[in-house]
Protein backbone atom coordinates (compact mmCIF):
# COMPACT_ATOMS: atom_id res chain seq x y z
CA MET A 1 -131.34 54.21 -191.74
CA LYS A 2 -134.06 56.46 -190.36
CA ILE A 3 -132.44 59.61 -188.98
CA VAL A 4 -134.21 62.39 -187.07
CA CYS A 5 -132.43 65.73 -187.46
CA ILE A 6 -132.94 68.84 -185.32
CA LEU A 7 -131.36 71.61 -187.35
CA SER A 8 -131.23 75.35 -187.92
CA PRO A 9 -133.86 77.06 -190.10
CA TYR A 10 -130.94 79.06 -191.54
CA TYR A 11 -128.45 77.84 -194.09
CA ASP A 12 -125.44 76.39 -192.28
CA TYR A 13 -122.46 75.01 -194.20
CA LEU A 14 -121.80 72.03 -191.94
CA THR A 15 -125.45 71.06 -191.52
CA ALA A 16 -125.96 71.35 -195.29
CA SER A 17 -122.91 69.17 -195.96
CA LEU A 18 -124.19 66.48 -193.64
CA MET A 19 -127.84 66.55 -194.77
CA GLU A 20 -126.91 66.44 -198.45
CA GLY A 21 -124.47 63.58 -197.89
CA LEU A 22 -126.81 61.47 -195.74
CA GLN A 23 -129.57 61.72 -198.32
CA GLU A 24 -127.19 60.93 -201.16
CA LEU A 25 -126.28 57.73 -199.27
CA GLY A 26 -129.99 56.86 -199.31
CA HIS A 27 -130.93 57.46 -195.67
CA GLU A 28 -134.36 58.76 -194.64
CA ILE A 29 -134.22 62.19 -192.99
CA ILE A 30 -136.99 63.46 -190.70
CA ALA A 31 -136.06 67.10 -190.16
CA SER A 32 -137.25 69.87 -187.86
CA GLU A 33 -136.87 72.60 -190.52
CA ASN A 34 -137.25 73.19 -194.22
CA SER A 35 -133.60 74.06 -194.74
CA ASN A 36 -130.14 72.74 -195.53
CA TYR A 37 -131.43 70.33 -198.21
CA ALA A 38 -133.97 68.81 -195.80
CA ALA A 39 -137.78 69.03 -195.70
CA ARG A 40 -139.56 69.95 -192.48
CA SER A 41 -141.81 67.49 -190.64
CA SER A 42 -144.35 68.34 -187.94
CA ASN A 43 -143.36 68.22 -184.28
CA GLY A 44 -145.70 65.28 -183.80
CA LYS A 45 -144.08 63.26 -186.57
CA ILE A 46 -140.58 64.12 -185.35
CA LEU A 47 -141.34 62.91 -181.81
CA LYS A 48 -143.10 59.79 -183.05
CA GLU A 49 -140.30 58.85 -185.44
CA ALA A 50 -137.67 59.61 -182.78
CA GLU A 51 -138.97 56.75 -180.62
CA HIS A 52 -137.56 54.13 -182.99
CA ALA A 53 -135.14 56.12 -185.14
CA ASP A 54 -131.73 54.63 -185.80
CA LEU A 55 -130.12 57.96 -184.99
CA ILE A 56 -131.04 61.42 -183.70
CA VAL A 57 -128.77 64.23 -184.90
CA VAL A 58 -128.88 67.57 -183.07
CA CYS A 59 -127.14 70.43 -184.85
CA SER A 60 -125.92 73.80 -183.59
CA ASN A 61 -126.17 77.46 -184.60
CA LYS A 62 -129.04 79.92 -184.83
CA GLY A 63 -132.65 78.87 -184.31
CA VAL A 64 -132.12 75.17 -183.56
CA ARG A 65 -135.11 73.95 -181.53
CA THR A 66 -133.09 71.91 -179.06
CA GLY A 67 -136.11 71.77 -176.73
CA LEU A 68 -137.49 68.98 -178.92
CA VAL A 69 -134.69 66.75 -177.66
CA ASP A 70 -136.09 66.89 -174.12
CA TYR A 71 -139.05 64.77 -175.27
CA MET A 72 -136.90 62.05 -176.85
CA ASP A 73 -136.02 59.00 -174.75
CA ASN A 74 -134.13 57.30 -177.57
CA PRO A 75 -130.49 57.21 -176.36
CA ASN A 76 -129.01 57.19 -179.87
CA LYS A 77 -128.36 60.92 -179.99
CA VAL A 78 -125.31 62.72 -181.36
CA PHE A 79 -124.51 66.43 -181.41
CA VAL A 80 -122.95 68.31 -184.34
CA ASP A 81 -121.18 71.50 -183.26
CA GLY A 82 -120.73 73.60 -186.38
CA SER A 83 -120.03 76.89 -184.60
CA ASP A 84 -117.11 79.17 -185.54
CA SER A 85 -115.73 78.89 -182.00
CA GLN A 86 -113.14 76.34 -180.95
CA ALA A 87 -114.88 76.29 -177.57
CA PHE A 88 -117.54 73.59 -177.47
CA LYS A 89 -121.15 74.73 -177.94
CA VAL A 90 -122.93 71.50 -176.99
CA TYR A 91 -126.55 71.41 -175.79
CA PRO A 92 -126.00 70.55 -172.11
CA TYR A 93 -129.32 68.97 -171.07
CA ALA A 94 -129.07 65.73 -173.04
CA LYS A 95 -126.56 62.88 -173.05
CA PHE A 96 -125.01 62.35 -176.46
CA ARG A 97 -123.31 59.17 -177.59
CA ALA A 98 -120.90 61.27 -179.64
CA VAL A 99 -120.07 64.90 -180.33
CA PHE A 100 -118.81 66.06 -183.73
CA LYS A 101 -116.86 69.30 -183.80
CA ARG A 102 -116.14 71.48 -186.84
CA GLU A 103 -113.44 73.61 -185.18
CA LEU A 104 -111.67 70.81 -183.27
CA ASN A 105 -108.29 72.24 -182.30
CA LYS A 106 -105.30 70.05 -183.17
CA CYS A 107 -103.97 70.40 -179.61
CA TRP A 108 -107.28 69.80 -177.79
CA ASN A 109 -106.72 67.46 -174.84
CA ASN A 110 -109.52 64.91 -174.51
CA LYS A 111 -108.88 64.34 -170.80
CA ASN A 112 -112.06 62.32 -170.23
CA ALA A 113 -111.69 60.21 -173.38
CA ASP A 114 -115.10 61.36 -174.60
CA PRO A 115 -116.25 60.12 -178.03
CA VAL A 116 -115.53 63.41 -179.81
CA TYR A 117 -114.71 63.49 -183.52
CA PRO A 118 -113.69 66.17 -186.04
CA LEU A 119 -116.28 67.08 -188.66
CA PRO A 120 -115.31 69.91 -191.02
CA PHE A 121 -117.26 71.23 -193.99
CA ALA A 122 -117.29 69.32 -197.26
CA ALA A 123 -117.68 70.06 -200.97
CA GLU A 124 -121.39 70.35 -201.70
CA LYS A 125 -122.56 69.14 -205.10
CA ARG A 126 -123.24 72.74 -206.15
CA TYR A 127 -119.48 73.44 -205.96
CA PHE A 128 -118.99 71.25 -209.03
CA ASP A 129 -121.93 72.68 -210.99
CA HIS A 130 -120.13 75.19 -213.19
CA PRO A 131 -118.79 75.09 -216.76
CA ARG A 132 -115.06 74.71 -217.20
CA LEU A 133 -113.51 78.00 -218.27
CA GLN A 134 -110.18 79.13 -219.70
CA ARG A 135 -107.79 79.72 -216.81
CA ASP A 136 -106.73 83.27 -217.60
CA ILE A 137 -106.32 84.39 -213.96
CA LYS A 138 -102.93 83.61 -212.42
CA ALA A 139 -104.16 83.84 -208.84
CA SER A 140 -107.30 85.02 -207.07
CA PHE A 141 -108.39 85.93 -203.57
CA ALA A 142 -112.10 86.79 -203.26
CA ALA A 143 -113.13 87.30 -199.65
CA ASN A 144 -114.73 89.49 -197.02
CA LEU A 145 -111.74 91.45 -195.70
CA ASN A 146 -113.35 92.60 -192.46
CA ASN A 147 -113.37 89.46 -190.29
CA ASN A 148 -109.64 88.67 -190.08
CA THR A 149 -106.60 90.97 -190.19
CA MET A 150 -104.61 88.31 -192.05
CA ARG A 151 -107.03 88.58 -194.95
CA TYR A 152 -106.28 92.23 -195.45
CA SER A 153 -102.53 91.58 -195.28
CA ILE A 154 -102.77 89.01 -198.06
CA TYR A 155 -105.06 91.28 -200.06
CA GLN A 156 -102.55 94.14 -199.85
CA ARG A 157 -99.64 91.90 -200.87
CA LEU A 158 -101.55 90.74 -203.93
CA LEU A 159 -102.55 94.32 -204.74
CA ASN A 160 -98.92 95.45 -204.52
CA ARG A 161 -97.95 93.05 -207.29
CA ASP A 162 -99.84 95.35 -209.69
CA ASP A 163 -100.67 92.44 -212.01
CA ALA A 164 -103.85 92.63 -214.08
CA ALA A 165 -103.96 88.81 -214.18
CA ILE A 166 -104.33 88.62 -210.38
CA PHE A 167 -107.75 89.19 -208.82
CA CYS A 168 -108.11 90.29 -205.19
CA GLY A 169 -111.10 91.82 -203.45
CA SER A 170 -114.82 91.13 -203.20
CA THR A 171 -117.44 90.37 -205.83
CA GLY A 172 -120.16 91.93 -203.67
CA GLU A 173 -122.14 88.69 -203.60
CA CYS A 174 -123.63 86.99 -200.54
CA ALA A 175 -123.70 83.20 -200.27
CA TYR A 176 -126.53 83.12 -197.72
CA ILE A 177 -128.81 85.45 -195.74
CA ARG A 178 -128.84 85.27 -191.95
CA SER A 179 -131.27 88.16 -191.35
CA GLN A 180 -134.16 86.14 -192.77
CA SER A 181 -135.33 82.59 -192.21
CA ARG A 182 -133.58 81.53 -195.39
CA GLY A 183 -132.44 77.94 -195.28
CA TRP A 184 -130.82 77.65 -198.68
CA PRO A 185 -127.58 78.89 -200.24
CA ILE A 186 -127.58 81.71 -202.79
CA LYS A 187 -125.84 81.40 -206.14
CA THR A 188 -122.65 83.45 -206.56
CA PRO A 189 -121.94 83.36 -210.31
CA LYS A 190 -119.27 86.11 -210.30
CA TYR A 191 -117.26 84.34 -207.63
CA GLN A 192 -117.66 80.97 -209.35
CA ASP A 193 -116.46 82.42 -212.66
CA ILE A 194 -113.36 83.85 -211.00
CA LEU A 195 -112.66 80.57 -209.21
CA TYR A 196 -112.96 78.44 -212.34
CA ARG A 197 -110.79 80.87 -214.30
CA SER A 198 -108.05 80.84 -211.68
CA ARG A 199 -104.96 78.65 -211.72
CA ILE A 200 -104.32 79.40 -208.05
CA ALA A 201 -106.83 80.56 -205.42
CA VAL A 202 -106.06 81.71 -201.91
CA ASN A 203 -107.79 80.72 -198.68
CA VAL A 204 -107.34 82.74 -195.47
CA VAL A 205 -109.33 81.88 -192.36
CA GLY A 206 -112.39 83.93 -191.44
CA ALA A 207 -114.42 83.80 -188.23
CA GLY A 208 -113.48 80.12 -187.92
CA TYR A 209 -110.59 78.15 -189.38
CA ASP A 210 -112.89 76.00 -191.52
CA CYS A 211 -114.13 77.96 -194.51
CA ALA A 212 -116.23 77.05 -197.54
CA ARG A 213 -113.50 78.50 -199.76
CA TYR A 214 -111.11 75.77 -198.56
CA TRP A 215 -113.34 73.15 -200.22
CA GLU A 216 -114.62 75.22 -203.16
CA ILE A 217 -111.13 75.83 -204.55
CA PRO A 218 -110.04 72.20 -205.14
CA ALA A 219 -113.60 71.35 -206.22
CA ALA A 220 -113.05 73.81 -209.09
CA GLY A 221 -109.80 72.07 -210.03
CA THR A 222 -107.85 75.13 -208.86
CA LEU A 223 -104.70 74.95 -206.76
CA LEU A 224 -105.47 75.59 -203.08
CA LEU A 225 -102.97 78.06 -201.57
CA THR A 226 -104.10 78.17 -197.96
CA GLN A 227 -103.21 79.55 -194.58
CA GLU A 228 -102.43 76.68 -192.21
CA LEU A 229 -105.56 75.56 -190.35
CA ASP A 230 -105.21 74.79 -186.65
CA ILE A 231 -108.02 72.22 -186.65
CA THR A 232 -108.18 68.47 -187.15
CA ILE A 233 -109.36 67.33 -190.59
CA PRO A 234 -109.80 63.63 -191.44
CA HIS A 235 -107.73 62.70 -194.49
CA PRO A 236 -106.02 66.13 -194.62
CA PHE A 237 -104.46 67.76 -197.64
CA THR A 238 -100.65 67.67 -197.83
CA SER A 239 -98.67 70.80 -198.63
CA GLY A 240 -96.59 70.46 -201.78
CA THR A 241 -98.55 67.41 -202.91
CA ASN A 242 -102.22 68.37 -203.28
CA CYS A 243 -102.23 71.93 -201.89
CA MET A 244 -99.76 74.60 -200.78
CA VAL A 245 -99.75 75.89 -197.19
CA PHE A 246 -98.32 79.10 -195.69
CA LYS A 247 -98.08 80.26 -192.08
CA THR A 248 -97.06 83.91 -192.41
CA PRO A 249 -97.54 86.70 -194.96
CA ASP A 250 -93.86 86.49 -195.93
CA GLU A 251 -94.16 82.75 -196.50
CA PHE A 252 -97.25 83.44 -198.60
CA ASP A 253 -95.15 85.66 -200.91
CA GLU A 254 -92.48 82.96 -201.17
CA LYS A 255 -94.96 80.19 -201.98
CA LEU A 256 -96.83 82.31 -204.51
CA ASP A 257 -93.55 83.29 -206.27
CA LEU A 258 -92.62 79.60 -206.48
CA LEU A 259 -95.97 78.65 -207.99
CA LEU A 260 -96.13 81.54 -210.46
CA SER A 261 -92.70 80.58 -211.75
CA ASP A 262 -93.68 76.94 -212.39
CA PRO A 263 -97.02 76.49 -214.25
CA ALA A 264 -96.44 72.74 -214.59
CA LEU A 265 -96.17 72.38 -210.81
CA VAL A 266 -99.41 74.32 -210.40
CA GLU A 267 -101.25 71.97 -212.76
CA THR A 268 -99.88 68.88 -211.00
CA ILE A 269 -100.80 70.03 -207.49
CA ALA A 270 -104.22 71.32 -208.61
CA ALA A 271 -105.08 67.99 -210.25
CA ALA A 272 -103.95 66.06 -207.17
CA GLY A 273 -105.99 68.36 -204.93
CA HIS A 274 -109.15 67.81 -206.96
CA GLU A 275 -108.61 64.04 -206.91
CA HIS A 276 -108.03 64.04 -203.13
CA LEU A 277 -111.16 66.13 -202.52
CA VAL A 278 -113.36 63.86 -204.66
CA ARG A 279 -112.02 60.80 -202.87
CA TYR A 280 -112.41 62.02 -199.28
CA HIS A 281 -114.26 65.33 -199.01
CA THR A 282 -117.52 65.34 -200.96
CA THR A 283 -120.68 65.53 -198.86
CA LYS A 284 -121.31 61.84 -199.56
CA GLU A 285 -117.87 60.90 -198.25
CA ARG A 286 -118.26 63.20 -195.25
CA ALA A 287 -121.58 61.58 -194.33
CA ALA A 288 -120.06 58.11 -194.73
CA TYR A 289 -117.24 59.09 -192.36
CA PHE A 290 -119.79 60.54 -189.91
CA LEU A 291 -121.79 57.30 -189.83
CA ALA A 292 -118.62 55.23 -189.47
CA MET A 293 -117.65 57.21 -186.37
CA VAL A 294 -121.18 56.79 -184.97
CA ALA A 295 -120.99 53.04 -185.56
CA GLU A 296 -117.56 52.90 -183.90
CA ASN A 297 -119.17 54.04 -180.67
CA SER A 298 -122.52 52.24 -180.96
CA GLY A 299 -121.38 49.03 -179.26
CA ASP A 300 -120.37 50.83 -176.08
CA ASN A 301 -122.67 52.34 -173.51
CA ARG A 302 -120.56 55.50 -173.48
CA PHE A 303 -121.78 59.08 -173.56
CA CYS A 304 -120.06 62.48 -173.72
CA GLU A 305 -120.37 63.06 -169.99
CA SER A 306 -118.16 66.16 -169.99
CA PHE A 307 -120.87 68.28 -171.66
CA TYR A 308 -123.91 67.03 -169.71
CA ARG A 309 -125.58 69.15 -167.03
CA GLU A 310 -128.66 68.54 -164.90
CA LYS A 311 -131.66 70.55 -166.03
CA PRO A 312 -132.36 73.67 -163.94
CA ARG A 313 -135.77 73.82 -162.26
CA PHE A 314 -137.19 76.35 -164.72
CA HIS A 315 -136.20 74.23 -167.70
CA GLY A 316 -139.37 72.09 -167.68
CA LEU A 317 -141.64 75.12 -168.10
CA LYS A 318 -139.29 76.67 -170.63
CA ARG A 319 -139.28 73.57 -172.81
CA VAL A 320 -143.09 73.42 -172.85
CA PHE A 321 -143.29 76.96 -174.21
CA GLY A 322 -140.50 76.17 -176.67
CA PHE A 323 -142.37 73.11 -177.94
CA MET A 324 -145.58 75.11 -178.36
CA LYS A 325 -143.64 77.77 -180.29
């Protein structure tokens, strides 16, 4: 397939997952930016290719030049909302055949039966690119503690155990830079070492429920001990089988005590988690799911009408300046 992608010039976990997966499946990507594993094409080429492209993918988040969409008559457009918010952040001045939502709440009521599908992050290939290490850390929790009060609660409970074989805190590394037009992830070797040395690793939600850590942990073959996520995930993990889930800090203590007392159980669940992730949640598998959902709706002449708005009068002038920029 030939796919035109309007994406952010900044590294974005969901966009990166999708771009990497689509290219691994062998599809041709014509992208608006040199970022997220894609190479930038000129505006002229993008608009020319969009006329006959099999699919036009418009992504969300900072710096996406959505104005380009206004020049595209091809109706085969879909929107990918990768924002942290559970509220929809869909570009309103184009009709999309489908909307894909990272933070799709489990209880969201699709009153208008719009073609809306969940699309969480996935395990990028770089998550697997690390040497296997001796697992000398019982449990680890490496995270920014400032964007969710639950994170600090879990951090303090781990700290109170006063166990030198438990790591909790920050490595001081940054996985990406938002302050610059940097479209690629940054290596975090300290964090990766800790993750691959851990038997158990903890995930607590950040700004959004979906978090890279949720996918990095099972990719490393480590047991995923995670706060319950209130979003829809295709082919979800199952607590007690291929991950362990907690809802409250007290339940976290109970689950961690259980796991620390049974190393054989930890190995079994960790292995099952890694197998489940490889089967359903690599970027290649995520892209295959994405295209399957697009194809499911391609035979109908349906659009996500709930998000569409008529263009305001000033929009025509605004889009001209945006295109020139």
